[in-house]
Amino acid sequence: METLKKQAIGAISKLPESANIDDIMYRLYVIDKIQKGRDAVKEGKTISIKSLKKEMKSW
């Protein structure tokens, strides 16, 4: 598994030279959210589609 630092460096290196700090921060934010989602799946911390639809109705 690739370390977080290597993921961050890889993601930043793929950005165009014109990227600003907001672009970098957003890319790192997305990487973090994806990793947290993967971790949640591994730990069984998910909800069913039925439960999600029920929750969304209250929005």
PDB file of N, CA and C in Angstrom:
ATOM      1  N   MET A   1       0.843  -1.191   0.000  1.00  0.00           N
ATOM      2  CA  MET A   1       0.000   0.000   0.000  1.00  0.00           C
ATOM      3  C   MET A   1       0.882   1.246   0.000  1.00  0.00           C
ATOM      4  N   GLU A   2       0.502   2.171  -0.796  1.00  0.00           N
ATOM      5  CA  GLU A   2       1.237   3.422  -0.916  1.00  0.00           C
ATOM      6  C   GLU A   2       0.990   4.297   0.316  1.00  0.00           C
ATOM      7  N   THR A   3       2.036   4.940   0.805  1.00  0.00           N
ATOM      8  CA  THR A   3       1.884   5.803   1.972  1.00  0.00           C
ATOM      9  C   THR A   3       1.120   7.071   1.594  1.00  0.00           C
ATOM     10  N   LEU A   4       0.566   7.695   2.597  1.00  0.00           N
ATOM     11  CA  LEU A   4      -0.168   8.937   2.376  1.00  0.00           C
ATOM     12  C   LEU A   4       0.725   9.998   1.738  1.00  0.00           C
ATOM     13  N   LYS A   5       1.959  10.068   2.211  1.00  0.00           N
ATOM     14  CA  LYS A   5       2.898  11.054   1.665  1.00  0.00           C
ATOM     15  C   LYS A   5       3.128  10.805   0.173  1.00  0.00           C
ATOM     16  N   LYS A   6       3.308   9.547  -0.202  1.00  0.00           N
ATOM     17  CA  LYS A   6       3.530   9.227  -1.620  1.00  0.00           C
ATOM     18  C   LYS A   6       2.290   9.534  -2.446  1.00  0.00           C
ATOM     19  N   GLN A   7       1.107   9.262  -1.882  1.00  0.00           N
ATOM     20  CA  GLN A   7      -0.130   9.593  -2.585  1.00  0.00           C
ATOM     21  C   GLN A   7      -0.234  11.095  -2.814  1.00  0.00           C
ATOM     22  N   ALA A   8       0.089  11.868  -1.779  1.00  0.00           N
ATOM     23  CA  ALA A   8       0.011  13.326  -1.879  1.00  0.00           C
ATOM     24  C   ALA A   8       0.999  13.852  -2.921  1.00  0.00           C
ATOM     25  N   ILE A   9       2.213  13.371  -2.873  1.00  0.00           N
ATOM     26  CA  ILE A   9       3.224  13.818  -3.834  1.00  0.00           C
ATOM     27  C   ILE A   9       2.808  13.449  -5.253  1.00  0.00           C
ATOM     28  N   GLY A  10       2.286  12.236  -5.425  1.00  0.00           N
ATOM     29  CA  GLY A  10       1.833  11.799  -6.747  1.00  0.00           C
ATOM     30  C   GLY A  10       0.695  12.654  -7.267  1.00  0.00           C
ATOM     31  N   ALA A  11      -0.266  12.948  -6.394  1.00  0.00           N
ATOM     32  CA  ALA A  11      -1.414  13.754  -6.800  1.00  0.00           C
ATOM     33  C   ALA A  11      -0.998  15.167  -7.163  1.00  0.00           C
ATOM     34  N   ILE A  12      -0.126  15.751  -6.353  1.00  0.00           N
ATOM     35  CA  ILE A  12       0.331  17.118  -6.619  1.00  0.00           C
ATOM     36  C   ILE A  12       1.157  17.173  -7.896  1.00  0.00           C
ATOM     37  N   SER A  13       1.976  16.156  -8.114  1.00  0.00           N
ATOM     38  CA  SER A  13       2.831  16.170  -9.314  1.00  0.00           C
ATOM     39  C   SER A  13       2.018  16.068 -10.598  1.00  0.00           C
ATOM     40  N   LYS A  14       0.795  15.542 -10.526  1.00  0.00           N
ATOM     41  CA  LYS A  14      -0.058  15.427 -11.712  1.00  0.00           C
ATOM     42  C   LYS A  14      -0.825  16.708 -12.024  1.00  0.00           C
ATOM     43  N   LEU A  15      -0.815  17.652 -11.092  1.00  0.00           N
ATOM     44  CA  LEU A  15      -1.494  18.918 -11.333  1.00  0.00           C
ATOM     45  C   LEU A  15      -0.689  19.772 -12.304  1.00  0.00           C
ATOM     46  N   PRO A  16      -1.356  20.641 -13.037  1.00  0.00           N
ATOM     47  CA  PRO A  16      -0.624  21.525 -13.948  1.00  0.00           C
ATOM     48  C   PRO A  16       0.228  22.529 -13.158  1.00  0.00           C
ATOM     49  N   GLU A  17       1.235  23.045 -13.790  1.00  0.00           N
ATOM     50  CA  GLU A  17       2.126  24.022 -13.147  1.00  0.00           C
ATOM     51  C   GLU A  17       1.364  25.263 -12.683  1.00  0.00           C
ATOM     52  N   SER A  18       0.232  25.525 -13.308  1.00  0.00           N
ATOM     53  CA  SER A  18      -0.554  26.706 -12.952  1.00  0.00           C
ATOM     54  C   SER A  18      -1.460  26.470 -11.735  1.00  0.00           C
ATOM     55  N   ALA A  19      -1.399  25.279 -11.145  1.00  0.00           N
ATOM     56  CA  ALA A  19      -2.257  24.959  -9.995  1.00  0.00           C
ATOM     57  C   ALA A  19      -1.950  25.894  -8.831  1.00  0.00           C
ATOM     58  N   ASN A  20      -3.013  26.271  -8.135  1.00  0.00           N
ATOM     59  CA  ASN A  20      -2.827  27.135  -6.965  1.00  0.00           C
ATOM     60  C   ASN A  20      -3.053  26.314  -5.689  1.00  0.00           C
ATOM     61  N   ILE A  21      -2.934  26.949  -4.556  1.00  0.00           N
ATOM     62  CA  ILE A  21      -3.047  26.245  -3.283  1.00  0.00           C
ATOM     63  C   ILE A  21      -4.428  25.613  -3.122  1.00  0.00           C
ATOM     64  N   ASP A  22      -5.464  26.261  -3.626  1.00  0.00           N
ATOM     65  CA  ASP A  22      -6.809  25.693  -3.536  1.00  0.00           C
ATOM     66  C   ASP A  22      -6.922  24.398  -4.338  1.00  0.00           C
ATOM     67  N   ASP A  23      -6.299  24.352  -5.507  1.00  0.00           N
ATOM     68  CA  ASP A  23      -6.288  23.133  -6.318  1.00  0.00           C
ATOM     69  C   ASP A  23      -5.595  21.994  -5.572  1.00  0.00           C
ATOM     70  N   ILE A  24      -4.479  22.313  -4.958  1.00  0.00           N
ATOM     71  CA  ILE A  24      -3.713  21.310  -4.209  1.00  0.00           C
ATOM     72  C   ILE A  24      -4.512  20.812  -3.009  1.00  0.00           C
ATOM     73  N   MET A  25      -5.084  21.738  -2.269  1.00  0.00           N
ATOM     74  CA  MET A  25      -5.847  21.363  -1.086  1.00  0.00           C
ATOM     75  C   MET A  25      -7.064  20.516  -1.457  1.00  0.00           C
ATOM     76  N   TYR A  26      -7.728  20.868  -2.549  1.00  0.00           N
ATOM     77  CA  TYR A  26      -8.887  20.097  -2.978  1.00  0.00           C
ATOM     78  C   TYR A  26      -8.479  18.682  -3.360  1.00  0.00           C
ATOM     79  N   ARG A  27      -7.397  18.551  -4.080  1.00  0.00           N
ATOM     80  CA  ARG A  27      -6.925  17.221  -4.495  1.00  0.00           C
ATOM     81  C   ARG A  27      -6.605  16.365  -3.280  1.00  0.00           C
ATOM     82  N   LEU A  28      -5.949  16.942  -2.287  1.00  0.00           N
ATOM     83  CA  LEU A  28      -5.622  16.206  -1.064  1.00  0.00           C
ATOM     84  C   LEU A  28      -6.883  15.868  -0.269  1.00  0.00           C
ATOM     85  N   TYR A  29      -7.841  16.773  -0.263  1.00  0.00           N
ATOM     86  CA  TYR A  29      -9.123  16.537   0.402  1.00  0.00           C
ATOM     87  C   TYR A  29      -9.828  15.329  -0.216  1.00  0.00           C
ATOM     88  N   VAL A  30      -9.853  15.263  -1.528  1.00  0.00           N
ATOM     89  CA  VAL A  30     -10.505  14.151  -2.223  1.00  0.00           C
ATOM     90  C   VAL A  30      -9.801  12.833  -1.894  1.00  0.00           C
ATOM     91  N   ILE A  31      -8.486  12.834  -1.907  1.00  0.00           N
ATOM     92  CA  ILE A  31      -7.735  11.624  -1.553  1.00  0.00           C
ATOM     93  C   ILE A  31      -8.100  11.172  -0.143  1.00  0.00           C
ATOM     94  N   ASP A  32      -8.174  12.106   0.783  1.00  0.00           N
ATOM     95  CA  ASP A  32      -8.521  11.785   2.164  1.00  0.00           C
ATOM     96  C   ASP A  32      -9.922  11.184   2.258  1.00  0.00           C
ATOM     97  N   LYS A  33     -10.885  11.775   1.580  1.00  0.00           N
ATOM     98  CA  LYS A  33     -12.262  11.287   1.646  1.00  0.00           C
ATOM     99  C   LYS A  33     -12.390   9.894   1.026  1.00  0.00           C
ATOM    100  N   ILE A  34     -11.691   9.657  -0.058  1.00  0.00           N
ATOM    101  CA  ILE A  34     -11.715   8.331  -0.680  1.00  0.00           C
ATOM    102  C   ILE A  34     -11.131   7.295   0.273  1.00  0.00           C
ATOM    103  N   GLN A  35     -10.005   7.621   0.900  1.00  0.00           N
ATOM    104  CA  GLN A  35      -9.383   6.687   1.833  1.00  0.00           C
ATOM    105  C   GLN A  35     -10.283   6.414   3.037  1.00  0.00           C
ATOM    106  N   LYS A  36     -10.926   7.438   3.553  1.00  0.00           N
ATOM    107  CA  LYS A  36     -11.841   7.247   4.685  1.00  0.00           C
ATOM    108  C   LYS A  36     -13.020   6.374   4.282  1.00  0.00           C
ATOM    109  N   GLY A  37     -13.497   6.532   3.068  1.00  0.00           N
ATOM    110  CA  GLY A  37     -14.584   5.691   2.569  1.00  0.00           C
ATOM    111  C   GLY A  37     -14.153   4.242   2.452  1.00  0.00           C
ATOM    112  N   ARG A  38     -12.973   4.009   1.922  1.00  0.00           N
ATOM    113  CA  ARG A  38     -12.444   2.644   1.813  1.00  0.00           C
ATOM    114  C   ARG A  38     -12.271   2.014   3.183  1.00  0.00           C
ATOM    115  N   ASP A  39     -11.765   2.790   4.129  1.00  0.00           N
ATOM    116  CA  ASP A  39     -11.590   2.294   5.495  1.00  0.00           C
ATOM    117  C   ASP A  39     -12.939   1.932   6.115  1.00  0.00           C
ATOM    118  N   ALA A  40     -13.948   2.756   5.884  1.00  0.00           N
ATOM    119  CA  ALA A  40     -15.285   2.503   6.427  1.00  0.00           C
ATOM    120  C   ALA A  40     -15.850   1.194   5.874  1.00  0.00           C
ATOM    121  N   VAL A  41     -15.634   0.952   4.593  1.00  0.00           N
ATOM    122  CA  VAL A  41     -16.111  -0.292   3.983  1.00  0.00           C
ATOM    123  C   VAL A  41     -15.407  -1.484   4.623  1.00  0.00           C
ATOM    124  N   LYS A  42     -14.100  -1.399   4.777  1.00  0.00           N
ATOM    125  CA  LYS A  42     -13.335  -2.490   5.392  1.00  0.00           C
ATOM    126  C   LYS A  42     -13.809  -2.771   6.812  1.00  0.00           C
ATOM    127  N   GLU A  43     -14.191  -1.732   7.541  1.00  0.00           N
ATOM    128  CA  GLU A  43     -14.614  -1.866   8.933  1.00  0.00           C
ATOM    129  C   GLU A  43     -16.104  -2.154   9.068  1.00  0.00           C
ATOM    130  N   GLY A  44     -16.797  -2.252   7.950  1.00  0.00           N
ATOM    131  CA  GLY A  44     -18.225  -2.546   7.978  1.00  0.00           C
ATOM    132  C   GLY A  44     -19.081  -1.383   8.437  1.00  0.00           C
ATOM    133  N   LYS A  45     -18.556  -0.197   8.345  1.00  0.00           N
ATOM    134  CA  LYS A  45     -19.280   1.002   8.776  1.00  0.00           C
ATOM    135  C   LYS A  45     -20.023   1.631   7.597  1.00  0.00           C
ATOM    136  N   THR A  46     -20.936   0.855   7.040  1.00  0.00           N
ATOM    137  CA  THR A  46     -21.722   1.343   5.914  1.00  0.00           C
ATOM    138  C   THR A  46     -23.195   1.139   6.227  1.00  0.00           C
ATOM    139  N   ILE A  47     -24.059   1.736   5.420  1.00  0.00           N
ATOM    140  CA  ILE A  47     -25.491   1.542   5.580  1.00  0.00           C
ATOM    141  C   ILE A  47     -26.057   1.010   4.276  1.00  0.00           C
ATOM    142  N   SER A  48     -27.208   0.393   4.357  1.00  0.00           N
ATOM    143  CA  SER A  48     -27.833  -0.175   3.166  1.00  0.00           C
ATOM    144  C   SER A  48     -28.437   0.938   2.304  1.00  0.00           C
ATOM    145  N   ILE A  49     -28.690   0.594   1.059  1.00  0.00           N
ATOM    146  CA  ILE A  49     -29.333   1.539   0.137  1.00  0.00           C
ATOM    147  C   ILE A  49     -30.719   1.905   0.672  1.00  0.00           C
ATOM    148  N   LYS A  50     -31.425   0.907   1.214  1.00  0.00           N
ATOM    149  CA  LYS A  50     -32.754   1.150   1.764  1.00  0.00           C
ATOM    150  C   LYS A  50     -32.697   2.183   2.890  1.00  0.00           C
ATOM    151  N   SER A  51     -31.727   2.033   3.796  1.00  0.00           N
ATOM    152  CA  SER A  51     -31.573   2.988   4.900  1.00  0.00           C
ATOM    153  C   SER A  51     -31.206   4.375   4.386  1.00  0.00           C
ATOM    154  N   LEU A  52     -30.351   4.415   3.371  1.00  0.00           N
ATOM    155  CA  LEU A  52     -29.946   5.697   2.798  1.00  0.00           C
ATOM    156  C   LEU A  52     -31.137   6.419   2.174  1.00  0.00           C
ATOM    157  N   LYS A  53     -31.936   5.682   1.418  1.00  0.00           N
ATOM    158  CA  LYS A  53     -33.113   6.294   0.787  1.00  0.00           C
ATOM    159  C   LYS A  53     -34.072   6.832   1.842  1.00  0.00           C
ATOM    160  N   LYS A  54     -34.251   6.076   2.930  1.00  0.00           N
ATOM    161  CA  LYS A  54     -35.128   6.514   4.009  1.00  0.00           C
ATOM    162  C   LYS A  54     -34.586   7.805   4.642  1.00  0.00           C
ATOM    163  N   GLU A  55     -33.294   7.834   4.865  1.00  0.00           N
ATOM    164  CA  GLU A  55     -32.662   9.028   5.454  1.00  0.00           C
ATOM    165  C   GLU A  55     -32.788  10.229   4.525  1.00  0.00           C
ATOM    166  N   MET A  56     -32.611  10.009   3.241  1.00  0.00           N
ATOM    167  CA  MET A  56     -32.678  11.107   2.268  1.00  0.00           C
ATOM    168  C   MET A  56     -34.077  11.731   2.181  1.00  0.00           C
ATOM    169  N   LYS A  57     -35.095  10.951   2.443  1.00  0.00           N
ATOM    170  CA  LYS A  57     -36.463  11.484   2.401  1.00  0.00           C
ATOM    171  C   LYS A  57     -36.675  12.574   3.446  1.00  0.00           C
ATOM    172  N   SER A  58     -35.915  12.487   4.553  1.00  0.00           N
ATOM    173  CA  SER A  58     -36.080  13.475   5.617  1.00  0.00           C
ATOM    174  C   SER A  58     -35.347  14.782   5.304  1.00  0.00           C
ATOM    175  N   TRP A  59     -34.567  14.798   4.257  1.00  0.00           N
ATOM    176  CA  TRP A  59     -33.833  16.010   3.885  1.00  0.00           C
ATOM    177  C   TRP A  59     -34.797  16.960   3.266  1.00  0.00           C
TER     178      TRP A  59
END
